[in-house]
Amino acid sequence: MGVPAPGMRRRLEAGERLLGVLLRLPSEDLLEMAAVSGFDFVLIDCEHGPADVVELRRHVTVAQLHGLDVLLRTGSDEPALVLRALDQGVAGVVAPHVDDPQTAARLVDSARYPPLGHRGFATYTRAGDFGRVPAKEHRERADETLVIGMVESPAGVRAVHEIVRVPGLDGLMVGAADLAAARTETDPPLPECVDAVHRAVAERGTLRMDIVSTPEQARASFSAGAALVVYNTADVLMRHLAQLVEARPR
C-alpha cells in the first residue's frame, strides 16, 4: 500500500484542531498506546530525548501503521536531522530556539524544496515510497510539510513579529521553560512574554502550538486559539506515578 502521505496540514486547513503527545522516551509501546487512545499525532523529541534516526524510523513506521502522523522536534539549527527526518516520512518539524527571523529562515530553508528552501531532493527515500512516487507527486506531498518554530528567549519575543512573517514558517510554539530561564529582571514577566507571542501568531493567522500537562490546560489552549496541543508525556507519567506511590503505608 506504500507509505501514507501526511494528513496534518489538510486537517488543519479544514479547521480541525489536533491533539498529540510529546514522546521523549523512545518506546514503540507508548506510541501505540497513544494511537489506540485516539490521539491525532505524536511529537518525537530529539532535542532532549535519546532517540536517533534509526529509532525515529521505527517509530514513524509504527505510527503510520496506526494512521498517526509524526512531528519531530530537532535540536537547535540541525538541518541534517531535518532532512533525514523528512526523508523518513515525518509530517513536519518543530525546531527550538528560533529567536530571530534569520534562524526561522534557515529552518525553512532546510525543510522546503526550492524555491522556498534547499532541501535535498530524493524520491528513493521512505517518504517517496523508495522511488515509486513520481517526482511531481513527491513534491506535492512535501508541500504538506509543517514547519514550526519555538520562541524560547526574550530576544525571540522581541522579534516575534518579524519571525511570523518568514515565508514557509507555518507556526510557533512558546518554550516556556527556556523562556523563563533566559529572561532577566529587565524583561517583561513570563505571562506577558507568552501573551506577546500568542498575539503575534493570532494577528498573522499562523498556527499556534501549545504544550500542556492536563486536560484542563488542553481545553484552555484550544479555547484560546491553539490549533495544535501536545501533552508533555513525561510530566503526565511522573505526576501519576507520584500519586500511585502515595498509596504506600507510612
C-alpha atoms as a PDB file:
ATOM      1  CA  MET A   1       0.000   0.000   0.000  1.00  0.00           C
ATOM      2  CA  GLY A   2       3.022   2.290   0.263  1.00  0.00           C
ATOM      3  CA  VAL A   3       3.959   4.951   2.778  1.00  0.00           C
ATOM      4  CA  PRO A   4       0.928   7.181   3.533  1.00  0.00           C
ATOM      5  CA  ALA A   5       1.189  10.880   2.779  1.00  0.00           C
ATOM      6  CA  PRO A   6       0.987  13.141   5.846  1.00  0.00           C
ATOM      7  CA  GLY A   7      -2.501  14.420   6.565  1.00  0.00           C
ATOM      8  CA  MET A   8      -1.982  17.014   9.284  1.00  0.00           C
ATOM      9  CA  ARG A   9      -1.896  20.093   7.059  1.00  0.00           C
ATOM     10  CA  ARG A  10      -5.071  19.113   5.220  1.00  0.00           C
ATOM     11  CA  ARG A  11      -6.859  18.511   8.518  1.00  0.00           C
ATOM     12  CA  LEU A  12      -5.703  21.844   9.939  1.00  0.00           C
ATOM     13  CA  GLU A  13      -6.719  23.697   6.779  1.00  0.00           C
ATOM     14  CA  ALA A  14     -10.137  22.080   7.094  1.00  0.00           C
ATOM     15  CA  GLY A  15     -10.478  23.658  10.525  1.00  0.00           C
ATOM     16  CA  GLU A  16      -9.656  20.664  12.720  1.00  0.00           C
ATOM     17  CA  ARG A  17      -7.697  21.196  15.909  1.00  0.00           C
ATOM     18  CA  LEU A  18      -5.322  18.384  16.707  1.00  0.00           C
ATOM     19  CA  LEU A  19      -4.242  16.799  19.977  1.00  0.00           C
ATOM     20  CA  GLY A  20      -0.985  14.930  20.383  1.00  0.00           C
ATOM     21  CA  VAL A  21       1.601  13.644  22.812  1.00  0.00           C
ATOM     22  CA  LEU A  22       5.249  14.622  23.201  1.00  0.00           C
ATOM     23  CA  LEU A  23       7.262  11.409  23.326  1.00  0.00           C
ATOM     24  CA  ARG A  24      10.694  11.951  24.859  1.00  0.00           C
ATOM     25  CA  LEU A  25      11.236   8.318  25.887  1.00  0.00           C
ATOM     26  CA  PRO A  26      11.894   6.010  22.924  1.00  0.00           C
ATOM     27  CA  SER A  27       9.063   3.497  23.197  1.00  0.00           C
ATOM     28  CA  GLU A  28       7.001   1.982  20.416  1.00  0.00           C
ATOM     29  CA  ASP A  29       4.559   0.721  23.058  1.00  0.00           C
ATOM     30  CA  LEU A  30       3.870   4.254  24.313  1.00  0.00           C
ATOM     31  CA  LEU A  31       3.421   5.394  20.733  1.00  0.00           C
ATOM     32  CA  GLU A  32       0.930   2.614  20.002  1.00  0.00           C
ATOM     33  CA  MET A  33      -0.918   3.355  23.227  1.00  0.00           C
ATOM     34  CA  ALA A  34      -1.286   6.970  22.109  1.00  0.00           C
ATOM     35  CA  ALA A  35      -2.557   5.810  18.729  1.00  0.00           C
ATOM     36  CA  VAL A  36      -5.178   3.392  20.028  1.00  0.00           C
ATOM     37  CA  SER A  37      -6.261   6.014  22.586  1.00  0.00           C
ATOM     38  CA  GLY A  38      -7.299   8.266  19.727  1.00  0.00           C
ATOM     39  CA  PHE A  39      -4.628  10.973  19.605  1.00  0.00           C
ATOM     40  CA  ASP A  40      -4.050  12.755  16.313  1.00  0.00           C
ATOM     41  CA  PHE A  41      -0.267  12.914  16.253  1.00  0.00           C
ATOM     42  CA  VAL A  42       2.900  12.300  18.214  1.00  0.00           C
ATOM     43  CA  LEU A  43       5.796  14.746  18.613  1.00  0.00           C
ATOM     44  CA  ILE A  44       9.051  12.833  18.991  1.00  0.00           C
ATOM     45  CA  ASP A  45      11.632  14.803  20.939  1.00  0.00           C
ATOM     46  CA  CYS A  46      15.143  14.512  19.533  1.00  0.00           C
ATOM     47  CA  GLU A  47      16.256  17.665  21.339  1.00  0.00           C
ATOM     48  CA  HIS A  48      16.096  16.357  24.914  1.00  0.00           C
ATOM     49  CA  GLY A  49      15.319  12.704  24.162  1.00  0.00           C
ATOM     50  CA  PRO A  50      17.840   9.994  23.231  1.00  0.00           C
ATOM     51  CA  ALA A  51      16.209   8.755  20.007  1.00  0.00           C
ATOM     52  CA  ASP A  52      18.452   8.598  16.930  1.00  0.00           C
ATOM     53  CA  VAL A  53      17.353   8.409  13.297  1.00  0.00           C
ATOM     54  CA  VAL A  54      17.131   4.596  13.280  1.00  0.00           C
ATOM     55  CA  GLU A  55      14.885   4.687  16.345  1.00  0.00           C
ATOM     56  CA  LEU A  56      12.907   7.531  14.783  1.00  0.00           C
ATOM     57  CA  ARG A  57      12.356   5.482  11.633  1.00  0.00           C
ATOM     58  CA  ARG A  58      10.859   2.607  13.637  1.00  0.00           C
ATOM     59  CA  HIS A  59       8.568   4.984  15.489  1.00  0.00           C
ATOM     60  CA  VAL A  60       7.395   6.655  12.278  1.00  0.00           C
ATOM     61  CA  THR A  61       6.636   3.269  10.724  1.00  0.00           C
ATOM     62  CA  VAL A  62       4.615   2.100  13.719  1.00  0.00           C
ATOM     63  CA  ALA A  63       2.744   5.403  13.935  1.00  0.00           C
ATOM     64  CA  GLN A  64       1.775   5.377  10.274  1.00  0.00           C
ATOM     65  CA  LEU A  65       0.511   1.802  10.525  1.00  0.00           C
ATOM     66  CA  HIS A  66      -1.961   3.211  13.059  1.00  0.00           C
ATOM     67  CA  GLY A  67      -2.805   6.252  10.940  1.00  0.00           C
ATOM     68  CA  LEU A  68      -0.927   8.560  13.317  1.00  0.00           C
ATOM     69  CA  ASP A  69       1.138  11.461  11.964  1.00  0.00           C
ATOM     70  CA  VAL A  70       4.556  12.225  13.435  1.00  0.00           C
ATOM     71  CA  LEU A  71       6.249  15.551  14.082  1.00  0.00           C
ATOM     72  CA  LEU A  72       9.924  15.712  15.033  1.00  0.00           C
ATOM     73  CA  ARG A  73      11.469  18.170  17.469  1.00  0.00           C
ATOM     74  CA  THR A  74      15.055  18.731  16.439  1.00  0.00           C
ATOM     75  CA  GLY A  75      17.882  20.346  18.322  1.00  0.00           C
ATOM     76  CA  SER A  76      18.965  23.900  17.519  1.00  0.00           C
ATOM     77  CA  ASP A  77      19.941  24.535  13.893  1.00  0.00           C
ATOM     78  CA  GLU A  78      20.090  20.882  12.770  1.00  0.00           C
ATOM     79  CA  PRO A  79      19.450  20.962   9.004  1.00  0.00           C
ATOM     80  CA  ALA A  80      20.880  17.466   8.506  1.00  0.00           C
ATOM     81  CA  LEU A  81      18.422  15.985  11.005  1.00  0.00           C
ATOM     82  CA  VAL A  82      15.548  17.908   9.401  1.00  0.00           C
ATOM     83  CA  LEU A  83      16.413  16.397   6.019  1.00  0.00           C
ATOM     84  CA  ARG A  84      16.802  12.849   7.312  1.00  0.00           C
ATOM     85  CA  ALA A  85      13.588  13.005   9.345  1.00  0.00           C
ATOM     86  CA  LEU A  86      11.545  14.302   6.410  1.00  0.00           C
ATOM     87  CA  ASP A  87      13.017  11.585   4.209  1.00  0.00           C
ATOM     88  CA  GLN A  88      11.672   9.036   6.714  1.00  0.00           C
ATOM     89  CA  GLY A  89       8.164  10.417   6.238  1.00  0.00           C
ATOM     90  CA  VAL A  90       7.505  12.668   9.231  1.00  0.00           C
ATOM     91  CA  ALA A  91       4.689  15.176   8.741  1.00  0.00           C
ATOM     92  CA  GLY A  92       6.760  18.115   9.913  1.00  0.00           C
ATOM     93  CA  VAL A  93       9.418  19.529  12.189  1.00  0.00           C
ATOM     94  CA  VAL A  94       9.380  21.617  15.356  1.00  0.00           C
ATOM     95  CA  ALA A  95      12.630  23.477  15.964  1.00  0.00           C
ATOM     96  CA  PRO A  96      13.750  25.055  19.265  1.00  0.00           C
ATOM     97  CA  HIS A  97      15.404  28.437  19.818  1.00  0.00           C
ATOM     98  CA  VAL A  98      14.005  30.239  16.808  1.00  0.00           C
ATOM     99  CA  ASP A  99      14.899  33.585  18.302  1.00  0.00           C
ATOM    100  CA  ASP A 100      15.193  35.729  15.180  1.00  0.00           C
ATOM    101  CA  PRO A 101      13.950  35.750  11.585  1.00  0.00           C
ATOM    102  CA  GLN A 102      17.327  34.564  10.292  1.00  0.00           C
ATOM    103  CA  THR A 103      17.072  31.343  12.326  1.00  0.00           C
ATOM    104  CA  ALA A 104      13.497  30.881  11.137  1.00  0.00           C
ATOM    105  CA  ALA A 105      14.639  31.332   7.550  1.00  0.00           C
ATOM    106  CA  ARG A 106      17.375  28.701   7.982  1.00  0.00           C
ATOM    107  CA  LEU A 107      14.798  26.292   9.376  1.00  0.00           C
ATOM    108  CA  VAL A 108      12.525  26.838   6.390  1.00  0.00           C
ATOM    109  CA  ASP A 109      15.496  26.502   4.047  1.00  0.00           C
ATOM    110  CA  SER A 110      16.311  23.057   5.438  1.00  0.00           C
ATOM    111  CA  ALA A 111      12.708  21.809   5.309  1.00  0.00           C
ATOM    112  CA  ARG A 112      11.437  23.128   1.971  1.00  0.00           C
ATOM    113  CA  TYR A 113      12.298  22.270  -1.590  1.00  0.00           C
ATOM    114  CA  PRO A 114      13.186  25.143  -3.950  1.00  0.00           C
ATOM    115  CA  PRO A 115      12.175  27.889  -4.410  1.00  0.00           C
ATOM    116  CA  LEU A 116      11.453  28.342  -0.675  1.00  0.00           C
ATOM    117  CA  GLY A 117      14.400  26.271   0.502  1.00  0.00           C
ATOM    118  CA  HIS A 118      17.256  23.965  -0.389  1.00  0.00           C
ATOM    119  CA  ARG A 119      16.163  20.586   0.956  1.00  0.00           C
ATOM    120  CA  GLY A 120      17.947  17.837  -0.951  1.00  0.00           C
ATOM    121  CA  PHE A 121      15.568  16.177  -3.420  1.00  0.00           C
ATOM    122  CA  ALA A 122      15.256  12.396  -3.490  1.00  0.00           C
ATOM    123  CA  THR A 123      12.297  10.158  -4.285  1.00  0.00           C
ATOM    124  CA  TYR A 124      14.011   6.902  -3.342  1.00  0.00           C
ATOM    125  CA  THR A 125      13.680   7.553   0.383  1.00  0.00           C
ATOM    126  CA  ARG A 126      10.960   6.091   2.575  1.00  0.00           C
ATOM    127  CA  ALA A 127       8.918   9.291   2.140  1.00  0.00           C
ATOM    128  CA  GLY A 128       8.973   8.682  -1.631  1.00  0.00           C
ATOM    129  CA  ASP A 129       7.947   5.037  -1.392  1.00  0.00           C
ATOM    130  CA  PHE A 130      11.556   4.112  -2.206  1.00  0.00           C
ATOM    131  CA  GLY A 131      11.280   5.611  -5.688  1.00  0.00           C
ATOM    132  CA  ARG A 132       7.737   4.531  -6.542  1.00  0.00           C
ATOM    133  CA  VAL A 133       6.238   8.006  -6.078  1.00  0.00           C
ATOM    134  CA  PRO A 134       6.668  10.179  -9.202  1.00  0.00           C
ATOM    135  CA  ALA A 135       8.785  13.295  -8.660  1.00  0.00           C
ATOM    136  CA  LYS A 136       5.820  15.652  -9.172  1.00  0.00           C
ATOM    137  CA  GLU A 137       3.712  13.820  -6.587  1.00  0.00           C
ATOM    138  CA  HIS A 138       6.630  13.709  -4.169  1.00  0.00           C
ATOM    139  CA  ARG A 139       6.986  17.493  -4.401  1.00  0.00           C
ATOM    140  CA  GLU A 140       3.247  17.904  -3.813  1.00  0.00           C
ATOM    141  CA  ARG A 141       3.484  15.703  -0.718  1.00  0.00           C
ATOM    142  CA  ALA A 142       6.425  17.744   0.520  1.00  0.00           C
ATOM    143  CA  ASP A 143       4.322  20.905   0.235  1.00  0.00           C
ATOM    144  CA  GLU A 144       2.217  19.486   3.098  1.00  0.00           C
ATOM    145  CA  THR A 145       5.201  19.522   5.485  1.00  0.00           C
ATOM    146  CA  LEU A 146       4.586  21.542   8.642  1.00  0.00           C
ATOM    147  CA  VAL A 147       7.393  23.813   9.822  1.00  0.00           C
ATOM    148  CA  ILE A 148       7.009  25.154  13.358  1.00  0.00           C
ATOM    149  CA  GLY A 149       9.489  27.199  15.358  1.00  0.00           C
ATOM    150  CA  MET A 150       9.814  27.587  19.113  1.00  0.00           C
ATOM    151  CA  VAL A 151      10.280  31.003  20.718  1.00  0.00           C
ATOM    152  CA  GLU A 152      12.329  30.449  23.862  1.00  0.00           C
ATOM    153  CA  SER A 153      14.054  33.720  24.754  1.00  0.00           C
ATOM    154  CA  PRO A 154      13.269  37.391  25.348  1.00  0.00           C
ATOM    155  CA  ALA A 155      15.082  38.141  22.078  1.00  0.00           C
ATOM    156  CA  GLY A 156      12.652  35.819  20.294  1.00  0.00           C
ATOM    157  CA  VAL A 157       9.711  37.569  21.918  1.00  0.00           C
ATOM    158  CA  ARG A 158      11.021  40.962  20.790  1.00  0.00           C
ATOM    159  CA  ALA A 159      11.490  39.669  17.228  1.00  0.00           C
ATOM    160  CA  VAL A 160       8.280  37.652  17.030  1.00  0.00           C
ATOM    161  CA  HIS A 161       6.530  39.966  14.543  1.00  0.00           C
ATOM    162  CA  GLU A 162       9.440  39.511  12.125  1.00  0.00           C
ATOM    163  CA  ILE A 163       9.647  35.769  12.794  1.00  0.00           C
ATOM    164  CA  VAL A 164       5.991  35.079  11.947  1.00  0.00           C
ATOM    165  CA  ARG A 165       6.434  36.833   8.585  1.00  0.00           C
ATOM    166  CA  VAL A 166       9.144  34.443   7.367  1.00  0.00           C
ATOM    167  CA  PRO A 167       7.766  32.706   4.241  1.00  0.00           C
ATOM    168  CA  GLY A 168       7.313  28.969   4.716  1.00  0.00           C
ATOM    169  CA  LEU A 169       7.077  29.080   8.521  1.00  0.00           C
ATOM    170  CA  ASP A 170       3.698  27.619   9.483  1.00  0.00           C
ATOM    171  CA  GLY A 171       3.503  28.377  13.176  1.00  0.00           C
ATOM    172  CA  LEU A 172       5.088  28.974  16.549  1.00  0.00           C
ATOM    173  CA  MET A 173       5.196  27.340  19.934  1.00  0.00           C
ATOM    174  CA  VAL A 174       6.384  29.000  23.130  1.00  0.00           C
ATOM    175  CA  GLY A 175       9.080  27.126  25.029  1.00  0.00           C
ATOM    176  CA  ALA A 176       8.037  28.460  28.415  1.00  0.00           C
ATOM    177  CA  ALA A 177      10.721  26.653  30.450  1.00  0.00           C
ATOM    178  CA  ASP A 178      13.598  28.007  28.368  1.00  0.00           C
ATOM    179  CA  LEU A 179      11.969  31.424  28.180  1.00  0.00           C
ATOM    180  CA  ALA A 180      11.655  31.541  31.977  1.00  0.00           C
ATOM    181  CA  ALA A 181      15.307  30.513  32.343  1.00  0.00           C
ATOM    182  CA  ALA A 182      16.507  33.088  29.822  1.00  0.00           C
ATOM    183  CA  ARG A 183      14.567  36.153  30.949  1.00  0.00           C
ATOM    184  CA  THR A 184      16.059  38.641  33.375  1.00  0.00           C
ATOM    185  CA  GLU A 185      14.507  41.160  35.721  1.00  0.00           C
ATOM    186  CA  THR A 186      14.661  43.771  32.968  1.00  0.00           C
ATOM    187  CA  ASP A 187      12.395  41.668  30.724  1.00  0.00           C
ATOM    188  CA  PRO A 188       8.595  41.601  30.976  1.00  0.00           C
ATOM    189  CA  PRO A 189       7.077  38.907  33.228  1.00  0.00           C
ATOM    190  CA  LEU A 190       6.785  35.455  31.704  1.00  0.00           C
ATOM    191  CA  PRO A 191       2.984  35.603  31.151  1.00  0.00           C
ATOM    192  CA  GLU A 192       3.388  38.866  29.239  1.00  0.00           C
ATOM    193  CA  CYS A 193       6.100  37.317  27.053  1.00  0.00           C
ATOM    194  CA  VAL A 194       3.899  34.319  26.276  1.00  0.00           C
ATOM    195  CA  ASP A 195       0.914  36.556  25.512  1.00  0.00           C
ATOM    196  CA  ALA A 196       3.030  38.664  23.156  1.00  0.00           C
ATOM    197  CA  VAL A 197       3.935  35.598  21.097  1.00  0.00           C
ATOM    198  CA  HIS A 198       0.349  34.376  21.027  1.00  0.00           C
ATOM    199  CA  ARG A 199      -0.929  37.775  19.929  1.00  0.00           C
ATOM    200  CA  ALA A 200       1.590  37.935  17.084  1.00  0.00           C
ATOM    201  CA  VAL A 201       0.604  34.446  15.926  1.00  0.00           C
ATOM    202  CA  ALA A 202      -3.103  35.313  16.036  1.00  0.00           C
ATOM    203  CA  GLU A 203      -2.600  38.588  14.164  1.00  0.00           C
ATOM    204  CA  ARG A 204      -0.600  36.844  11.446  1.00  0.00           C
ATOM    205  CA  GLY A 205      -3.041  33.916  11.243  1.00  0.00           C
ATOM    206  CA  THR A 206      -0.343  31.272  11.612  1.00  0.00           C
ATOM    207  CA  LEU A 207      -0.612  28.100  13.660  1.00  0.00           C
ATOM    208  CA  ARG A 208      -0.277  28.182  17.422  1.00  0.00           C
ATOM    209  CA  MET A 209       1.061  25.078  19.147  1.00  0.00           C
ATOM    210  CA  ASP A 210       0.894  24.674  22.937  1.00  0.00           C
ATOM    211  CA  ILE A 211       2.405  22.119  25.292  1.00  0.00           C
ATOM    212  CA  VAL A 212       0.286  21.154  28.312  1.00  0.00           C
ATOM    213  CA  SER A 213       0.130  18.644  31.143  1.00  0.00           C
ATOM    214  CA  THR A 214      -3.589  18.335  31.972  1.00  0.00           C
ATOM    215  CA  PRO A 215      -6.912  18.096  30.110  1.00  0.00           C
ATOM    216  CA  GLU A 216      -7.935  21.390  31.684  1.00  0.00           C
ATOM    217  CA  GLN A 217      -4.867  23.098  30.227  1.00  0.00           C
ATOM    218  CA  ALA A 218      -5.535  21.474  26.838  1.00  0.00           C
ATOM    219  CA  ARG A 219      -9.118  22.727  26.762  1.00  0.00           C
ATOM    220  CA  ALA A 220      -7.952  26.214  27.750  1.00  0.00           C
ATOM    221  CA  SER A 221      -5.348  26.233  24.965  1.00  0.00           C
ATOM    222  CA  PHE A 222      -7.858  25.188  22.336  1.00  0.00           C
ATOM    223  CA  SER A 223     -10.295  27.814  23.601  1.00  0.00           C
ATOM    224  CA  ALA A 224      -7.557  30.454  23.382  1.00  0.00           C
ATOM    225  CA  GLY A 225      -6.849  29.676  19.725  1.00  0.00           C
ATOM    226  CA  ALA A 226      -4.290  26.858  19.644  1.00  0.00           C
ATOM    227  CA  ALA A 227      -4.560  24.654  16.575  1.00  0.00           C
ATOM    228  CA  LEU A 228      -2.146  22.034  17.919  1.00  0.00           C
ATOM    229  CA  VAL A 229      -1.904  20.960  21.538  1.00  0.00           C
ATOM    230  CA  VAL A 230       0.559  18.369  22.805  1.00  0.00           C
ATOM    231  CA  TYR A 231       0.748  16.680  26.197  1.00  0.00           C
ATOM    232  CA  ASN A 232       4.113  16.505  27.957  1.00  0.00           C
ATOM    233  CA  THR A 233       4.042  12.738  28.454  1.00  0.00           C
ATOM    234  CA  ALA A 234       6.991  12.595  30.865  1.00  0.00           C
ATOM    235  CA  ASP A 235       5.334  15.127  33.160  1.00  0.00           C
ATOM    236  CA  VAL A 236       1.978  13.325  32.975  1.00  0.00           C
ATOM    237  CA  LEU A 237       3.587   9.973  33.802  1.00  0.00           C
ATOM    238  CA  MET A 238       5.726  11.300  36.639  1.00  0.00           C
ATOM    239  CA  ARG A 239       2.806  13.065  38.306  1.00  0.00           C
ATOM    240  CA  HIS A 240       0.678   9.939  38.003  1.00  0.00           C
ATOM    241  CA  LEU A 241       3.454   7.751  39.413  1.00  0.00           C
ATOM    242  CA  ALA A 242       3.811  10.154  42.341  1.00  0.00           C
ATOM    243  CA  GLN A 243       0.093   9.785  43.028  1.00  0.00           C
ATOM    244  CA  LEU A 244       0.355   5.989  42.918  1.00  0.00           C
ATOM    245  CA  VAL A 245       3.246   5.993  45.398  1.00  0.00           C
ATOM    246  CA  GLU A 246       1.082   7.862  47.887  1.00  0.00           C
ATOM    247  CA  ALA A 247      -0.841   4.622  48.487  1.00  0.00           C
ATOM    248  CA  ARG A 248       2.152   3.121  50.296  1.00  0.00           C
ATOM    249  CA  PRO A 249       1.566   2.895  54.087  1.00  0.00           C
ATOM    250  CA  ARG A 250       3.762   5.226  56.099  1.00  0.00           C
END
